[in-house]
């Protein structure tokens, strides 16, 4: 009876452990970069949300018969979906006063 070995041509089974060690060394670096990119993206999103809330607050404030509470509620409403309304303080200054 003949034994038939089904293996790929040129494969070397002695490299299996080396591949595992290389992956174990490279994976933390790769994951650090991936999570870093995610955090930078989140920081840009937060910055854009704050700028957008300031813009919408200014637009609401220039309309006639608008009060400070109206502007504050518009800004809080813009920051709430991002989760920033709990830690945010809205200060309204007219001509730096």
C-alpha atoms as a PDB file:
ATOM      1  CA  UNK A   1       0.000   0.000   0.000  1.00  0.00           C
ATOM      2  CA  UNK A   2       1.338   3.399  -0.968  1.00  0.00           C
ATOM      3  CA  UNK A   3       1.053   6.492   1.127  1.00  0.00           C
ATOM      4  CA  UNK A   4       0.191   9.667  -0.674  1.00  0.00           C
ATOM      5  CA  UNK A   5       1.178  12.912   0.975  1.00  0.00           C
ATOM      6  CA  UNK A   6      -1.124  15.759   0.052  1.00  0.00           C
ATOM      7  CA  UNK A   7       0.853  18.896   0.623  1.00  0.00           C
ATOM      8  CA  UNK A   8       1.600  22.000  -1.312  1.00  0.00           C
ATOM      9  CA  UNK A   9       4.730  22.018  -3.311  1.00  0.00           C
ATOM     10  CA  UNK A  10       7.467  23.889  -1.522  1.00  0.00           C
ATOM     11  CA  UNK A  11       5.685  24.165   1.818  1.00  0.00           C
ATOM     12  CA  UNK A  12       7.817  23.845   4.882  1.00  0.00           C
ATOM     13  CA  UNK A  13       6.072  22.818   8.087  1.00  0.00           C
ATOM     14  CA  UNK A  14       8.955  24.021  10.244  1.00  0.00           C
ATOM     15  CA  UNK A  15       7.945  27.676   9.617  1.00  0.00           C
ATOM     16  CA  UNK A  16       4.535  27.326  11.324  1.00  0.00           C
ATOM     17  CA  UNK A  17       5.843  28.368  14.730  1.00  0.00           C
ATOM     18  CA  UNK A  18       7.809  31.289  13.304  1.00  0.00           C
ATOM     19  CA  UNK A  19       4.687  32.615  11.616  1.00  0.00           C
ATOM     20  CA  UNK A  20       2.792  32.477  14.906  1.00  0.00           C
ATOM     21  CA  UNK A  21       5.553  34.335  16.737  1.00  0.00           C
ATOM     22  CA  UNK A  22       5.753  37.000  14.018  1.00  0.00           C
ATOM     23  CA  UNK A  23       1.986  37.505  14.197  1.00  0.00           C
ATOM     24  CA  UNK A  24       2.131  37.733  17.994  1.00  0.00           C
ATOM     25  CA  UNK A  25       4.768  40.465  17.696  1.00  0.00           C
ATOM     26  CA  UNK A  26       3.102  42.389  14.868  1.00  0.00           C
ATOM     27  CA  UNK A  27      -0.533  42.241  16.063  1.00  0.00           C
ATOM     28  CA  UNK A  28      -0.182  44.664  19.022  1.00  0.00           C
ATOM     29  CA  UNK A  29       1.534  47.239  16.821  1.00  0.00           C
ATOM     30  CA  UNK A  30      -1.117  46.885  14.119  1.00  0.00           C
ATOM     31  CA  UNK A  31      -3.960  47.139  16.645  1.00  0.00           C
ATOM     32  CA  UNK A  32      -2.352  50.207  18.233  1.00  0.00           C
ATOM     33  CA  UNK A  33      -2.303  51.938  14.854  1.00  0.00           C
ATOM     34  CA  UNK A  34      -5.893  50.936  14.081  1.00  0.00           C
ATOM     35  CA  UNK A  35      -7.242  52.137  17.431  1.00  0.00           C
ATOM     36  CA  UNK A  36      -5.149  55.318  17.135  1.00  0.00           C
ATOM     37  CA  UNK A  37      -6.716  56.077  13.769  1.00  0.00           C
ATOM     38  CA  UNK A  38     -10.165  55.501  15.272  1.00  0.00           C
ATOM     39  CA  UNK A  39      -9.402  57.928  18.130  1.00  0.00           C
ATOM     40  CA  UNK A  40      -8.117  60.606  15.741  1.00  0.00           C
ATOM     41  CA  UNK A  41     -11.301  60.214  13.695  1.00  0.00           C
ATOM     42  CA  UNK A  42     -13.394  60.576  16.831  1.00  0.00           C
ATOM     43  CA  UNK A  43     -11.478  63.725  17.809  1.00  0.00           C
ATOM     44  CA  UNK A  44     -12.198  65.241  14.390  1.00  0.00           C
ATOM     45  CA  UNK A  45     -15.871  64.332  14.745  1.00  0.00           C
ATOM     46  CA  UNK A  46     -16.076  65.996  18.175  1.00  0.00           C
ATOM     47  CA  UNK A  47     -14.333  69.121  16.865  1.00  0.00           C
ATOM     48  CA  UNK A  48     -16.734  69.311  13.925  1.00  0.00           C
ATOM     49  CA  UNK A  49     -19.737  68.817  16.227  1.00  0.00           C
ATOM     50  CA  UNK A  50     -18.610  71.659  18.506  1.00  0.00           C
ATOM     51  CA  UNK A  51     -18.053  73.990  15.536  1.00  0.00           C
ATOM     52  CA  UNK A  52     -21.432  73.041  14.097  1.00  0.00           C
ATOM     53  CA  UNK A  53     -23.145  73.680  17.445  1.00  0.00           C
ATOM     54  CA  UNK A  54     -21.504  77.122  17.682  1.00  0.00           C
ATOM     55  CA  UNK A  55     -22.609  77.904  14.125  1.00  0.00           C
ATOM     56  CA  UNK A  56     -26.205  76.823  14.785  1.00  0.00           C
ATOM     57  CA  UNK A  57     -26.227  78.769  18.065  1.00  0.00           C
ATOM     58  CA  UNK A  58     -25.084  81.929  16.265  1.00  0.00           C
ATOM     59  CA  UNK A  59     -27.712  81.423  13.584  1.00  0.00           C
ATOM     60  CA  UNK A  60     -30.396  81.022  16.251  1.00  0.00           C
ATOM     61  CA  UNK A  61     -29.116  84.055  18.185  1.00  0.00           C
ATOM     62  CA  UNK A  62     -29.277  86.544  15.322  1.00  0.00           C
ATOM     63  CA  UNK A  63     -32.963  86.010  14.702  1.00  0.00           C
ATOM     64  CA  UNK A  64     -35.326  88.583  16.226  1.00  0.00           C
ATOM     65  CA  UNK A  65     -37.023  87.853  19.553  1.00  0.00           C
ATOM     66  CA  UNK A  66     -34.589  85.112  20.543  1.00  0.00           C
ATOM     67  CA  UNK A  67     -33.435  84.702  24.124  1.00  0.00           C
ATOM     68  CA  UNK A  68     -30.309  83.277  25.708  1.00  0.00           C
ATOM     69  CA  UNK A  69     -32.200  80.137  26.721  1.00  0.00           C
ATOM     70  CA  UNK A  70     -33.190  79.532  23.098  1.00  0.00           C
ATOM     71  CA  UNK A  71     -29.571  79.705  21.950  1.00  0.00           C
ATOM     72  CA  UNK A  72     -28.463  77.490  24.834  1.00  0.00           C
ATOM     73  CA  UNK A  73     -31.087  74.871  24.005  1.00  0.00           C
ATOM     74  CA  UNK A  74     -30.076  74.883  20.307  1.00  0.00           C
ATOM     75  CA  UNK A  75     -26.415  74.356  21.211  1.00  0.00           C
ATOM     76  CA  UNK A  76     -27.257  71.632  23.744  1.00  0.00           C
ATOM     77  CA  UNK A  77     -29.487  69.947  21.183  1.00  0.00           C
ATOM     78  CA  UNK A  78     -26.613  69.843  18.711  1.00  0.00           C
ATOM     79  CA  UNK A  79     -24.160  68.419  21.257  1.00  0.00           C
ATOM     80  CA  UNK A  80     -26.509  65.834  22.764  1.00  0.00           C
ATOM     81  CA  UNK A  81     -26.299  63.199  19.954  1.00  0.00           C
ATOM     82  CA  UNK A  82     -22.504  63.168  20.280  1.00  0.00           C
ATOM     83  CA  UNK A  83     -22.678  62.805  24.061  1.00  0.00           C
ATOM     84  CA  UNK A  84     -21.082  66.176  24.853  1.00  0.00           C
ATOM     85  CA  UNK A  85     -24.074  67.976  26.342  1.00  0.00           C
ATOM     86  CA  UNK A  86     -23.452  66.598  29.847  1.00  0.00           C
ATOM     87  CA  UNK A  87     -19.979  68.140  30.131  1.00  0.00           C
ATOM     88  CA  UNK A  88     -20.597  71.223  27.985  1.00  0.00           C
ATOM     89  CA  UNK A  89     -21.101  74.737  29.294  1.00  0.00           C
ATOM     90  CA  UNK A  90     -22.616  77.262  26.902  1.00  0.00           C
ATOM     91  CA  UNK A  91     -21.454  80.842  27.372  1.00  0.00           C
ATOM     92  CA  UNK A  92     -22.939  83.604  25.248  1.00  0.00           C
ATOM     93  CA  UNK A  93     -20.931  86.794  24.754  1.00  0.00           C
ATOM     94  CA  UNK A  94     -22.069  89.745  22.706  1.00  0.00           C
ATOM     95  CA  UNK A  95     -19.130  91.820  21.445  1.00  0.00           C
ATOM     96  CA  UNK A  96     -16.810  90.075  23.938  1.00  0.00           C
ATOM     97  CA  UNK A  97     -18.792  91.370  26.917  1.00  0.00           C
END
